């Protein structure tokens, strides 16, 4: 059995790989012909993947009894938020260069950006309350209710990805299928638990 602290650092290091990969691309000319778009896509892809990884913790416990996965869930969720925050920052600061009028127009005209901002708002709220002080202030039951909105963020994230893609819809459909499976396991477990 791997000690919890060692496992925590291993998972942390694995979650950092996409960010380190992006930094390596920046120094080796691997960002392609449109580096801003490449960075945005890379960060967005890993934001959604990280969120799905975080959401897999409870299903893994249900299916295989992996309690260690649940213990990693908060850290995984914070990594997902970090990638989302970097994704948004790249869009606002580098892509749009803080042109608030253009950003406002995008929010109105481009549904996928509106939906993406909705997902970011939820994840920001969850990240801000993912600490012991927030749990104590809100109360355990209220805190759990609020943090179930993470599924709403994941649904909006998948919607954002699907609506953004113009040609190859297979990757967003794979993400949607994974999220559907994770939600299905949770629903099946809740129904099974209520029956017993």
N, C-alpha and C. Protein backbone atom coordinates (compact mmCIF):
# COMPACT_ATOMS: atom_id res chain seq x y z
N UNK A 1 0.85 -1.20 0.00
CA UNK A 1 0.00 0.00 0.00
C UNK A 1 0.89 1.25 0.00
N UNK A 2 0.66 2.13 -1.01
CA UNK A 2 1.45 3.36 -1.11
C UNK A 2 0.97 4.34 -0.04
N UNK A 3 1.89 4.95 0.74
CA UNK A 3 1.49 5.95 1.73
C UNK A 3 0.72 7.08 1.07
N UNK A 4 -0.28 7.60 1.80
CA UNK A 4 -1.16 8.63 1.24
C UNK A 4 -0.38 9.83 0.73
N UNK A 5 0.61 10.30 1.50
CA UNK A 5 1.35 11.50 1.12
C UNK A 5 2.13 11.28 -0.17
N UNK A 6 2.70 10.10 -0.33
CA UNK A 6 3.43 9.78 -1.55
C UNK A 6 2.47 9.74 -2.74
N UNK A 7 1.31 9.09 -2.54
CA UNK A 7 0.31 9.00 -3.59
C UNK A 7 -0.19 10.38 -3.99
N UNK A 8 -0.37 11.26 -3.00
CA UNK A 8 -0.84 12.62 -3.25
C UNK A 8 0.12 13.33 -4.19
N UNK A 9 1.41 13.23 -3.91
CA UNK A 9 2.41 13.90 -4.74
C UNK A 9 2.51 13.28 -6.12
N UNK A 10 2.31 11.97 -6.23
CA UNK A 10 2.33 11.31 -7.53
C UNK A 10 1.17 11.82 -8.40
N UNK A 11 -0.03 11.86 -7.82
CA UNK A 11 -1.20 12.35 -8.55
C UNK A 11 -1.01 13.82 -8.91
N UNK A 12 -0.50 14.61 -7.98
CA UNK A 12 -0.24 16.03 -8.22
C UNK A 12 0.71 16.21 -9.42
N UNK A 13 1.78 15.42 -9.43
CA UNK A 13 2.76 15.50 -10.52
C UNK A 13 2.14 15.11 -11.86
N UNK A 14 1.31 14.08 -11.85
CA UNK A 14 0.65 13.64 -13.09
C UNK A 14 -0.27 14.73 -13.62
N UNK A 15 -1.01 15.38 -12.72
CA UNK A 15 -1.93 16.44 -13.15
C UNK A 15 -1.19 17.67 -13.67
N UNK A 16 0.06 17.83 -13.27
CA UNK A 16 0.86 18.98 -13.73
C UNK A 16 1.48 18.75 -15.11
N UNK A 17 1.49 17.51 -15.59
CA UNK A 17 2.15 17.19 -16.85
C UNK A 17 1.64 18.02 -18.03
N UNK A 18 0.30 18.17 -18.23
CA UNK A 18 -0.16 18.98 -19.37
C UNK A 18 0.35 20.43 -19.34
N UNK A 19 0.45 21.00 -18.14
CA UNK A 19 0.96 22.36 -18.01
C UNK A 19 2.45 22.42 -18.34
N UNK A 20 3.20 21.45 -17.83
CA UNK A 20 4.63 21.37 -18.13
C UNK A 20 4.86 21.12 -19.62
N UNK A 21 3.99 20.32 -20.20
CA UNK A 21 4.07 20.03 -21.63
C UNK A 21 3.88 21.32 -22.44
N UNK A 22 2.93 22.14 -22.02
CA UNK A 22 2.66 23.40 -22.71
C UNK A 22 3.87 24.34 -22.62
N UNK A 23 4.48 24.39 -21.44
CA UNK A 23 5.68 25.22 -21.25
C UNK A 23 6.82 24.71 -22.15
N UNK A 24 6.95 23.39 -22.23
CA UNK A 24 7.98 22.81 -23.09
C UNK A 24 7.73 23.16 -24.56
N UNK A 25 6.46 23.11 -24.99
CA UNK A 25 6.11 23.48 -26.36
C UNK A 25 6.49 24.93 -26.64
N UNK A 26 6.26 25.80 -25.65
CA UNK A 26 6.56 27.22 -25.83
C UNK A 26 8.05 27.46 -26.06
N UNK A 27 8.89 26.65 -25.43
CA UNK A 27 10.35 26.84 -25.55
C UNK A 27 10.97 26.07 -26.72
N UNK A 28 10.18 25.19 -27.32
CA UNK A 28 10.74 24.37 -28.41
C UNK A 28 10.03 24.62 -29.75
N UNK A 29 9.19 25.64 -29.79
CA UNK A 29 8.49 25.97 -31.03
C UNK A 29 7.41 24.99 -31.39
N UNK A 30 6.82 24.35 -30.40
CA UNK A 30 5.80 23.34 -30.67
C UNK A 30 4.37 23.83 -30.57
N UNK A 31 4.18 25.16 -30.58
CA UNK A 31 2.83 25.71 -30.44
C UNK A 31 2.10 25.88 -31.77
N UNK A 32 2.77 25.55 -32.86
CA UNK A 32 2.12 25.58 -34.17
C UNK A 32 2.04 26.98 -34.77
N UNK A 33 1.28 27.06 -35.88
CA UNK A 33 1.16 28.32 -36.62
C UNK A 33 0.33 29.37 -35.88
N UNK A 34 -0.60 28.90 -35.04
CA UNK A 34 -1.44 29.81 -34.26
C UNK A 34 -1.28 29.48 -32.78
N UNK A 35 -0.22 29.99 -32.16
CA UNK A 35 0.07 29.60 -30.76
C UNK A 35 -1.02 29.97 -29.76
N UNK A 36 -1.69 31.10 -29.97
CA UNK A 36 -2.73 31.52 -29.02
C UNK A 36 -3.87 30.52 -29.02
N UNK A 37 -4.30 30.11 -30.23
CA UNK A 37 -5.38 29.11 -30.33
C UNK A 37 -4.93 27.77 -29.78
N UNK A 38 -3.68 27.39 -30.06
CA UNK A 38 -3.15 26.12 -29.55
C UNK A 38 -3.18 26.10 -28.02
N UNK A 39 -2.70 27.18 -27.41
CA UNK A 39 -2.69 27.27 -25.94
C UNK A 39 -4.11 27.19 -25.39
N UNK A 40 -5.01 27.92 -26.04
CA UNK A 40 -6.40 27.93 -25.56
C UNK A 40 -7.03 26.54 -25.64
N UNK A 41 -6.81 25.86 -26.75
CA UNK A 41 -7.38 24.51 -26.92
C UNK A 41 -6.75 23.53 -25.93
N UNK A 42 -5.43 23.62 -25.79
CA UNK A 42 -4.73 22.70 -24.88
C UNK A 42 -5.24 22.86 -23.45
N UNK A 43 -5.32 24.09 -22.98
CA UNK A 43 -5.79 24.35 -21.62
C UNK A 43 -7.26 23.96 -21.45
N UNK A 44 -8.08 24.27 -22.47
CA UNK A 44 -9.50 23.91 -22.39
C UNK A 44 -9.72 22.42 -22.36
N UNK A 45 -8.98 21.70 -23.23
CA UNK A 45 -9.09 20.24 -23.26
C UNK A 45 -8.74 19.64 -21.90
N UNK A 46 -7.64 20.10 -21.32
CA UNK A 46 -7.21 19.52 -20.05
C UNK A 46 -8.05 19.99 -18.87
N UNK A 47 -8.69 21.14 -19.01
CA UNK A 47 -9.63 21.57 -17.97
C UNK A 47 -10.79 20.59 -17.88
N UNK A 48 -11.36 20.23 -19.03
CA UNK A 48 -12.49 19.31 -19.04
C UNK A 48 -12.06 17.90 -18.65
N UNK A 49 -10.92 17.47 -19.14
CA UNK A 49 -10.42 16.13 -18.78
C UNK A 49 -10.15 16.03 -17.28
N UNK A 50 -9.55 17.08 -16.72
CA UNK A 50 -9.26 17.09 -15.28
C UNK A 50 -10.55 17.04 -14.47
N UNK A 51 -11.56 17.75 -14.95
CA UNK A 51 -12.85 17.75 -14.25
C UNK A 51 -13.48 16.36 -14.28
N UNK A 52 -13.40 15.69 -15.42
CA UNK A 52 -13.94 14.33 -15.52
C UNK A 52 -13.16 13.36 -14.64
N UNK A 53 -11.84 13.56 -14.55
CA UNK A 53 -11.03 12.72 -13.67
C UNK A 53 -11.46 12.92 -12.22
N UNK A 54 -11.69 14.17 -11.82
CA UNK A 54 -12.14 14.46 -10.46
C UNK A 54 -13.50 13.82 -10.19
N UNK A 55 -14.39 13.88 -11.19
CA UNK A 55 -15.73 13.30 -11.01
C UNK A 55 -15.72 11.77 -11.01
N UNK A 56 -14.63 11.17 -11.45
CA UNK A 56 -14.55 9.70 -11.48
C UNK A 56 -14.22 9.11 -10.10
N UNK A 57 -13.86 9.97 -9.14
CA UNK A 57 -13.43 9.46 -7.83
C UNK A 57 -14.52 8.64 -7.15
N UNK A 58 -15.73 9.20 -7.05
CA UNK A 58 -16.81 8.46 -6.38
C UNK A 58 -17.23 7.21 -7.16
N UNK A 59 -17.41 7.28 -8.49
CA UNK A 59 -17.69 6.04 -9.23
C UNK A 59 -16.64 4.95 -9.06
N UNK A 60 -15.36 5.34 -8.95
CA UNK A 60 -14.30 4.35 -8.72
C UNK A 60 -14.45 3.70 -7.34
N UNK A 61 -14.87 4.51 -6.38
CA UNK A 61 -15.12 3.95 -5.05
C UNK A 61 -16.32 3.01 -5.07
N UNK A 62 -17.37 3.40 -5.79
CA UNK A 62 -18.58 2.58 -5.89
C UNK A 62 -18.27 1.24 -6.56
N UNK A 63 -17.54 1.30 -7.68
CA UNK A 63 -17.30 0.10 -8.48
C UNK A 63 -16.20 -0.80 -7.92
N UNK A 64 -15.13 -0.18 -7.40
CA UNK A 64 -13.95 -0.96 -7.01
C UNK A 64 -13.53 -0.79 -5.55
N UNK A 65 -14.23 0.08 -4.83
CA UNK A 65 -13.88 0.31 -3.44
C UNK A 65 -12.61 1.11 -3.26
N UNK A 66 -12.22 1.91 -4.25
CA UNK A 66 -10.98 2.70 -4.18
C UNK A 66 -11.21 3.97 -3.38
N UNK A 67 -11.07 3.89 -2.09
CA UNK A 67 -11.29 5.06 -1.24
C UNK A 67 -10.21 6.13 -1.43
N UNK A 68 -9.02 5.72 -1.88
CA UNK A 68 -7.94 6.69 -2.09
C UNK A 68 -8.33 7.70 -3.16
N UNK A 69 -9.14 7.27 -4.13
CA UNK A 69 -9.55 8.19 -5.20
C UNK A 69 -10.37 9.35 -4.64
N UNK A 70 -11.25 9.04 -3.68
CA UNK A 70 -12.08 10.07 -3.06
C UNK A 70 -11.21 11.05 -2.28
N UNK A 71 -10.15 10.56 -1.67
CA UNK A 71 -9.24 11.41 -0.90
C UNK A 71 -8.47 12.37 -1.81
N UNK A 72 -8.35 12.03 -3.08
CA UNK A 72 -7.67 12.89 -4.05
C UNK A 72 -8.62 13.87 -4.73
N UNK A 73 -9.90 13.73 -4.48
CA UNK A 73 -10.91 14.46 -5.26
C UNK A 73 -10.77 15.98 -5.16
N UNK A 74 -10.51 16.50 -3.97
CA UNK A 74 -10.40 17.95 -3.82
C UNK A 74 -9.22 18.50 -4.62
N UNK A 75 -8.08 17.82 -4.52
CA UNK A 75 -6.91 18.25 -5.26
C UNK A 75 -7.15 18.18 -6.77
N UNK A 76 -7.81 17.11 -7.21
CA UNK A 76 -8.13 16.96 -8.63
C UNK A 76 -9.06 18.08 -9.10
N UNK A 77 -10.05 18.40 -8.28
CA UNK A 77 -10.97 19.47 -8.61
C UNK A 77 -10.29 20.82 -8.70
N UNK A 78 -9.33 21.06 -7.82
CA UNK A 78 -8.58 22.32 -7.87
C UNK A 78 -7.68 22.39 -9.10
N UNK A 79 -7.15 21.26 -9.52
CA UNK A 79 -6.38 21.23 -10.77
C UNK A 79 -7.29 21.56 -11.95
N UNK A 80 -8.49 20.99 -11.94
CA UNK A 80 -9.45 21.30 -13.01
C UNK A 80 -9.74 22.79 -13.06
N UNK A 81 -9.96 23.39 -11.88
CA UNK A 81 -10.21 24.83 -11.83
C UNK A 81 -8.99 25.61 -12.31
N UNK A 82 -7.79 25.17 -11.96
CA UNK A 82 -6.57 25.86 -12.39
C UNK A 82 -6.48 25.89 -13.92
N UNK A 83 -6.78 24.76 -14.56
CA UNK A 83 -6.73 24.72 -16.03
C UNK A 83 -7.83 25.59 -16.64
N UNK A 84 -9.01 25.59 -16.02
CA UNK A 84 -10.09 26.46 -16.50
C UNK A 84 -9.69 27.93 -16.36
N UNK A 85 -9.12 28.29 -15.21
CA UNK A 85 -8.71 29.68 -14.96
C UNK A 85 -7.64 30.12 -15.97
N UNK A 86 -6.69 29.24 -16.27
CA UNK A 86 -5.65 29.55 -17.26
C UNK A 86 -6.25 29.67 -18.66
N UNK A 87 -7.22 28.82 -18.94
CA UNK A 87 -7.94 28.85 -20.23
C UNK A 87 -8.64 30.20 -20.40
N UNK A 88 -9.35 30.64 -19.37
CA UNK A 88 -10.05 31.94 -19.41
C UNK A 88 -9.05 33.09 -19.49
N UNK A 89 -7.98 33.00 -18.71
CA UNK A 89 -6.96 34.05 -18.70
C UNK A 89 -6.32 34.20 -20.08
N UNK A 90 -6.03 33.07 -20.72
CA UNK A 90 -5.46 33.12 -22.06
C UNK A 90 -6.40 33.82 -23.03
N UNK A 91 -7.69 33.51 -22.92
CA UNK A 91 -8.69 34.12 -23.81
C UNK A 91 -8.79 35.63 -23.56
N UNK A 92 -8.91 36.02 -22.29
CA UNK A 92 -9.11 37.43 -21.95
C UNK A 92 -7.85 38.27 -22.18
N UNK A 93 -6.70 37.77 -21.69
CA UNK A 93 -5.48 38.58 -21.69
C UNK A 93 -4.69 38.49 -22.99
N UNK A 94 -4.59 37.28 -23.58
CA UNK A 94 -3.72 37.11 -24.74
C UNK A 94 -4.51 37.15 -26.04
N UNK A 95 -5.63 36.42 -26.08
CA UNK A 95 -6.43 36.39 -27.31
C UNK A 95 -7.13 37.74 -27.54
N UNK A 96 -7.82 38.23 -26.52
CA UNK A 96 -8.59 39.48 -26.66
C UNK A 96 -7.86 40.72 -26.13
N UNK A 97 -6.75 40.53 -25.46
CA UNK A 97 -5.93 41.62 -24.91
C UNK A 97 -6.77 42.61 -24.11
N UNK A 98 -7.62 42.06 -23.24
CA UNK A 98 -8.47 42.84 -22.33
C UNK A 98 -9.41 43.81 -23.06
N UNK A 99 -9.80 43.43 -24.27
CA UNK A 99 -10.78 44.24 -25.01
C UNK A 99 -12.17 43.84 -24.52
N UNK A 100 -12.64 44.53 -23.48
CA UNK A 100 -13.87 44.14 -22.80
C UNK A 100 -15.09 44.25 -23.71
N UNK A 101 -15.07 45.19 -24.64
CA UNK A 101 -16.18 45.34 -25.58
C UNK A 101 -16.28 44.10 -26.47
N UNK A 102 -15.13 43.64 -26.97
CA UNK A 102 -15.11 42.44 -27.82
C UNK A 102 -15.50 41.20 -27.03
N UNK A 103 -15.03 41.14 -25.79
CA UNK A 103 -15.39 40.00 -24.93
C UNK A 103 -16.89 39.99 -24.66
N UNK A 104 -17.44 41.18 -24.39
CA UNK A 104 -18.89 41.28 -24.17
C UNK A 104 -19.68 40.86 -25.39
N UNK A 105 -19.20 41.24 -26.58
CA UNK A 105 -19.86 40.83 -27.83
C UNK A 105 -19.80 39.32 -28.00
N UNK A 106 -18.64 38.73 -27.69
CA UNK A 106 -18.51 37.27 -27.76
C UNK A 106 -19.48 36.57 -26.83
N UNK A 107 -19.62 37.12 -25.62
CA UNK A 107 -20.53 36.51 -24.64
C UNK A 107 -21.97 36.49 -25.14
N UNK A 108 -22.34 37.53 -25.87
CA UNK A 108 -23.72 37.63 -26.38
C UNK A 108 -23.91 36.79 -27.64
N UNK A 109 -22.94 36.86 -28.55
CA UNK A 109 -23.12 36.25 -29.86
C UNK A 109 -22.71 34.78 -29.93
N UNK A 110 -21.72 34.40 -29.14
CA UNK A 110 -21.21 33.04 -29.22
C UNK A 110 -21.69 32.23 -28.01
N UNK A 111 -22.63 31.36 -28.26
CA UNK A 111 -23.25 30.60 -27.17
C UNK A 111 -22.22 29.78 -26.41
N UNK A 112 -21.26 29.20 -27.12
CA UNK A 112 -20.29 28.33 -26.43
C UNK A 112 -19.44 29.11 -25.43
N UNK A 113 -19.21 30.41 -25.70
CA UNK A 113 -18.46 31.21 -24.74
C UNK A 113 -19.33 31.54 -23.53
N UNK A 114 -20.60 31.85 -23.76
CA UNK A 114 -21.54 32.10 -22.66
C UNK A 114 -21.63 30.89 -21.74
N UNK A 115 -21.78 29.72 -22.36
CA UNK A 115 -21.87 28.46 -21.60
C UNK A 115 -20.57 28.20 -20.84
N UNK A 116 -19.44 28.44 -21.50
CA UNK A 116 -18.15 28.24 -20.85
C UNK A 116 -17.96 29.14 -19.64
N UNK A 117 -18.41 30.39 -19.76
CA UNK A 117 -18.31 31.31 -18.63
C UNK A 117 -19.21 30.86 -17.48
N UNK A 118 -20.34 30.24 -17.82
CA UNK A 118 -21.22 29.68 -16.78
C UNK A 118 -20.53 28.57 -16.01
N UNK A 119 -19.84 27.69 -16.75
CA UNK A 119 -19.09 26.61 -16.11
C UNK A 119 -17.98 27.18 -15.23
N UNK A 120 -17.29 28.21 -15.72
CA UNK A 120 -16.22 28.84 -14.94
C UNK A 120 -16.76 29.44 -13.65
N UNK A 121 -17.92 30.08 -13.72
CA UNK A 121 -18.53 30.70 -12.53
C UNK A 121 -18.81 29.66 -11.46
N UNK A 122 -19.35 28.52 -11.88
CA UNK A 122 -19.63 27.44 -10.93
C UNK A 122 -18.34 26.93 -10.31
N UNK A 123 -17.34 26.67 -11.15
CA UNK A 123 -16.08 26.12 -10.65
C UNK A 123 -15.34 27.11 -9.75
N UNK A 124 -15.46 28.40 -10.06
CA UNK A 124 -14.85 29.41 -9.20
C UNK A 124 -15.47 29.37 -7.81
N UNK A 125 -16.80 29.26 -7.76
CA UNK A 125 -17.51 29.18 -6.48
C UNK A 125 -17.08 27.94 -5.70
N UNK A 126 -16.97 26.82 -6.38
CA UNK A 126 -16.58 25.58 -5.71
C UNK A 126 -15.13 25.62 -5.23
N UNK A 127 -14.26 26.20 -6.05
CA UNK A 127 -12.84 26.31 -5.64
C UNK A 127 -12.70 27.23 -4.43
N UNK A 128 -13.48 28.33 -4.42
CA UNK A 128 -13.40 29.29 -3.32
C UNK A 128 -13.91 28.71 -2.01
N UNK A 129 -14.76 27.68 -2.10
CA UNK A 129 -15.33 27.08 -0.88
C UNK A 129 -14.77 25.68 -0.61
N UNK A 130 -13.68 25.32 -1.27
CA UNK A 130 -13.12 23.98 -1.08
C UNK A 130 -12.07 23.98 0.03
N UNK A 131 -12.47 24.45 1.20
CA UNK A 131 -11.56 24.48 2.35
C UNK A 131 -12.35 24.21 3.62
N UNK A 132 -11.65 23.88 4.67
CA UNK A 132 -12.29 23.52 5.92
C UNK A 132 -13.07 24.66 6.53
N UNK A 133 -12.57 25.89 6.36
CA UNK A 133 -13.27 27.05 6.91
C UNK A 133 -14.65 27.21 6.26
N UNK A 134 -14.72 27.00 4.94
CA UNK A 134 -16.00 27.12 4.24
C UNK A 134 -16.97 26.03 4.68
N UNK A 135 -16.45 24.81 4.88
CA UNK A 135 -17.31 23.71 5.34
C UNK A 135 -17.89 24.04 6.71
N UNK A 136 -17.05 24.57 7.59
CA UNK A 136 -17.49 24.93 8.93
C UNK A 136 -18.51 26.06 8.90
N UNK A 137 -18.27 27.06 8.05
CA UNK A 137 -19.17 28.22 7.96
C UNK A 137 -20.51 27.84 7.35
N UNK A 138 -20.48 27.04 6.27
CA UNK A 138 -21.70 26.69 5.55
C UNK A 138 -22.47 25.55 6.20
N UNK A 139 -21.76 24.70 6.92
CA UNK A 139 -22.38 23.48 7.44
C UNK A 139 -22.21 22.36 6.42
N UNK A 140 -21.97 21.16 6.92
CA UNK A 140 -21.66 20.04 6.04
C UNK A 140 -22.69 19.76 4.96
N UNK A 141 -23.98 19.75 5.33
CA UNK A 141 -25.04 19.41 4.37
C UNK A 141 -25.15 20.47 3.28
N UNK A 142 -25.12 21.74 3.67
CA UNK A 142 -25.21 22.82 2.69
C UNK A 142 -24.00 22.80 1.76
N UNK A 143 -22.82 22.53 2.33
CA UNK A 143 -21.60 22.48 1.53
C UNK A 143 -21.68 21.37 0.49
N UNK A 144 -22.18 20.22 0.89
CA UNK A 144 -22.32 19.09 -0.04
C UNK A 144 -23.31 19.43 -1.15
N UNK A 145 -24.43 20.09 -0.80
CA UNK A 145 -25.43 20.48 -1.80
C UNK A 145 -24.81 21.43 -2.84
N UNK A 146 -24.07 22.41 -2.35
CA UNK A 146 -23.45 23.38 -3.25
C UNK A 146 -22.44 22.69 -4.18
N UNK A 147 -21.65 21.78 -3.63
CA UNK A 147 -20.60 21.16 -4.41
C UNK A 147 -21.12 20.11 -5.38
N UNK A 148 -22.39 19.75 -5.29
CA UNK A 148 -22.98 18.89 -6.30
C UNK A 148 -23.19 19.63 -7.62
N UNK A 149 -23.10 20.95 -7.58
CA UNK A 149 -23.20 21.73 -8.81
C UNK A 149 -22.01 21.48 -9.74
N UNK A 150 -21.01 20.76 -9.25
CA UNK A 150 -19.88 20.41 -10.11
C UNK A 150 -20.36 19.63 -11.33
N UNK A 151 -21.44 18.87 -11.17
CA UNK A 151 -21.98 18.13 -12.32
C UNK A 151 -22.56 19.10 -13.35
N UNK A 152 -23.17 20.19 -12.87
CA UNK A 152 -23.65 21.23 -13.78
C UNK A 152 -22.51 21.85 -14.55
N UNK A 153 -21.39 22.10 -13.85
CA UNK A 153 -20.21 22.66 -14.52
C UNK A 153 -19.68 21.70 -15.59
N UNK A 154 -19.69 20.41 -15.28
CA UNK A 154 -19.21 19.41 -16.25
C UNK A 154 -20.12 19.34 -17.47
N UNK A 155 -21.43 19.41 -17.24
CA UNK A 155 -22.38 19.40 -18.36
C UNK A 155 -22.17 20.63 -19.24
N UNK A 156 -22.02 21.80 -18.60
CA UNK A 156 -21.77 23.03 -19.36
C UNK A 156 -20.42 22.96 -20.09
N UNK A 157 -19.42 22.35 -19.45
CA UNK A 157 -18.12 22.20 -20.08
C UNK A 157 -18.19 21.35 -21.34
N UNK A 158 -18.93 20.25 -21.27
CA UNK A 158 -19.11 19.39 -22.44
C UNK A 158 -19.89 20.12 -23.54
N UNK A 159 -20.90 20.86 -23.14
CA UNK A 159 -21.70 21.65 -24.09
C UNK A 159 -20.79 22.68 -24.78
N UNK A 160 -19.98 23.36 -23.98
CA UNK A 160 -19.04 24.37 -24.50
C UNK A 160 -18.11 23.74 -25.55
N UNK A 161 -17.59 22.59 -25.25
CA UNK A 161 -16.67 21.89 -26.15
C UNK A 161 -17.38 21.49 -27.45
N UNK A 162 -18.57 20.90 -27.32
CA UNK A 162 -19.32 20.43 -28.49
C UNK A 162 -19.72 21.61 -29.39
N UNK A 163 -20.21 22.69 -28.76
CA UNK A 163 -20.67 23.85 -29.54
C UNK A 163 -19.52 24.58 -30.22
N UNK A 164 -18.32 24.49 -29.66
CA UNK A 164 -17.16 25.18 -30.19
C UNK A 164 -16.61 24.48 -31.43
N UNK A 165 -16.69 23.14 -31.44
CA UNK A 165 -16.10 22.36 -32.53
C UNK A 165 -16.95 22.51 -33.79
N UNK A 166 -16.27 22.77 -34.90
CA UNK A 166 -16.99 22.98 -36.16
C UNK A 166 -17.00 21.73 -37.05
N UNK A 167 -16.01 20.87 -36.92
CA UNK A 167 -15.92 19.72 -37.83
C UNK A 167 -15.91 18.39 -37.09
N UNK A 168 -14.83 18.09 -36.39
CA UNK A 168 -14.66 16.79 -35.75
C UNK A 168 -15.34 16.78 -34.38
N UNK A 169 -16.57 16.26 -34.34
CA UNK A 169 -17.33 16.25 -33.09
C UNK A 169 -17.06 15.01 -32.25
N UNK A 170 -16.23 14.09 -32.76
CA UNK A 170 -15.97 12.86 -32.02
C UNK A 170 -15.35 13.11 -30.64
N UNK A 171 -14.29 13.95 -30.52
CA UNK A 171 -13.71 14.19 -29.19
C UNK A 171 -14.72 14.71 -28.15
N UNK A 172 -15.52 15.75 -28.48
CA UNK A 172 -16.51 16.17 -27.47
C UNK A 172 -17.55 15.10 -27.16
N UNK A 173 -17.92 14.30 -28.16
CA UNK A 173 -18.89 13.22 -27.92
C UNK A 173 -18.31 12.16 -26.99
N UNK A 174 -17.00 11.91 -27.08
CA UNK A 174 -16.35 10.96 -26.16
C UNK A 174 -16.42 11.50 -24.74
N UNK A 175 -16.15 12.80 -24.57
CA UNK A 175 -16.23 13.42 -23.24
C UNK A 175 -17.66 13.36 -22.70
N UNK A 176 -18.63 13.61 -23.56
CA UNK A 176 -20.04 13.54 -23.16
C UNK A 176 -20.40 12.12 -22.73
N UNK A 177 -19.91 11.13 -23.46
CA UNK A 177 -20.19 9.72 -23.13
C UNK A 177 -19.58 9.36 -21.77
N UNK A 178 -18.36 9.84 -21.51
CA UNK A 178 -17.72 9.56 -20.22
C UNK A 178 -18.51 10.20 -19.09
N UNK A 179 -18.90 11.46 -19.27
CA UNK A 179 -19.69 12.14 -18.24
C UNK A 179 -21.02 11.42 -18.01
N UNK A 180 -21.67 11.00 -19.08
CA UNK A 180 -22.93 10.27 -18.97
C UNK A 180 -22.73 8.98 -18.17
N UNK A 181 -21.64 8.27 -18.44
CA UNK A 181 -21.34 7.05 -17.70
C UNK A 181 -21.12 7.32 -16.22
N UNK A 182 -20.37 8.37 -15.90
CA UNK A 182 -20.10 8.72 -14.50
C UNK A 182 -21.38 9.09 -13.77
N UNK A 183 -22.23 9.87 -14.44
CA UNK A 183 -23.52 10.24 -13.84
C UNK A 183 -24.41 9.02 -13.69
N UNK A 184 -24.36 8.14 -14.68
CA UNK A 184 -25.18 6.92 -14.63
C UNK A 184 -24.81 6.04 -13.44
N UNK A 185 -23.52 5.92 -13.17
CA UNK A 185 -23.07 5.12 -12.02
C UNK A 185 -23.57 5.72 -10.72
N UNK A 186 -23.49 7.05 -10.60
CA UNK A 186 -23.97 7.72 -9.39
C UNK A 186 -25.48 7.51 -9.20
N UNK A 187 -26.24 7.68 -10.28
CA UNK A 187 -27.70 7.51 -10.21
C UNK A 187 -28.05 6.08 -9.86
N UNK A 188 -27.39 5.12 -10.52
CA UNK A 188 -27.64 3.69 -10.24
C UNK A 188 -27.34 3.37 -8.78
N UNK A 189 -26.24 3.91 -8.26
CA UNK A 189 -25.86 3.65 -6.87
C UNK A 189 -26.88 4.26 -5.91
N UNK A 190 -27.35 5.47 -6.19
CA UNK A 190 -28.33 6.11 -5.32
C UNK A 190 -29.65 5.34 -5.29
N UNK A 191 -30.07 4.86 -6.46
CA UNK A 191 -31.30 4.07 -6.54
C UNK A 191 -31.14 2.77 -5.77
N UNK A 192 -30.00 2.11 -5.96
CA UNK A 192 -29.72 0.84 -5.30
C UNK A 192 -29.68 1.03 -3.77
N UNK A 193 -29.07 2.14 -3.32
CA UNK A 193 -28.96 2.40 -1.89
C UNK A 193 -30.32 2.66 -1.26
N UNK A 194 -31.20 3.35 -1.97
CA UNK A 194 -32.54 3.66 -1.45
C UNK A 194 -33.40 2.40 -1.34
N UNK A 195 -33.16 1.43 -2.23
CA UNK A 195 -33.94 0.20 -2.22
C UNK A 195 -33.55 -0.72 -1.06
N UNK A 196 -32.29 -0.61 -0.61
CA UNK A 196 -31.81 -1.52 0.46
C UNK A 196 -32.03 -0.91 1.83
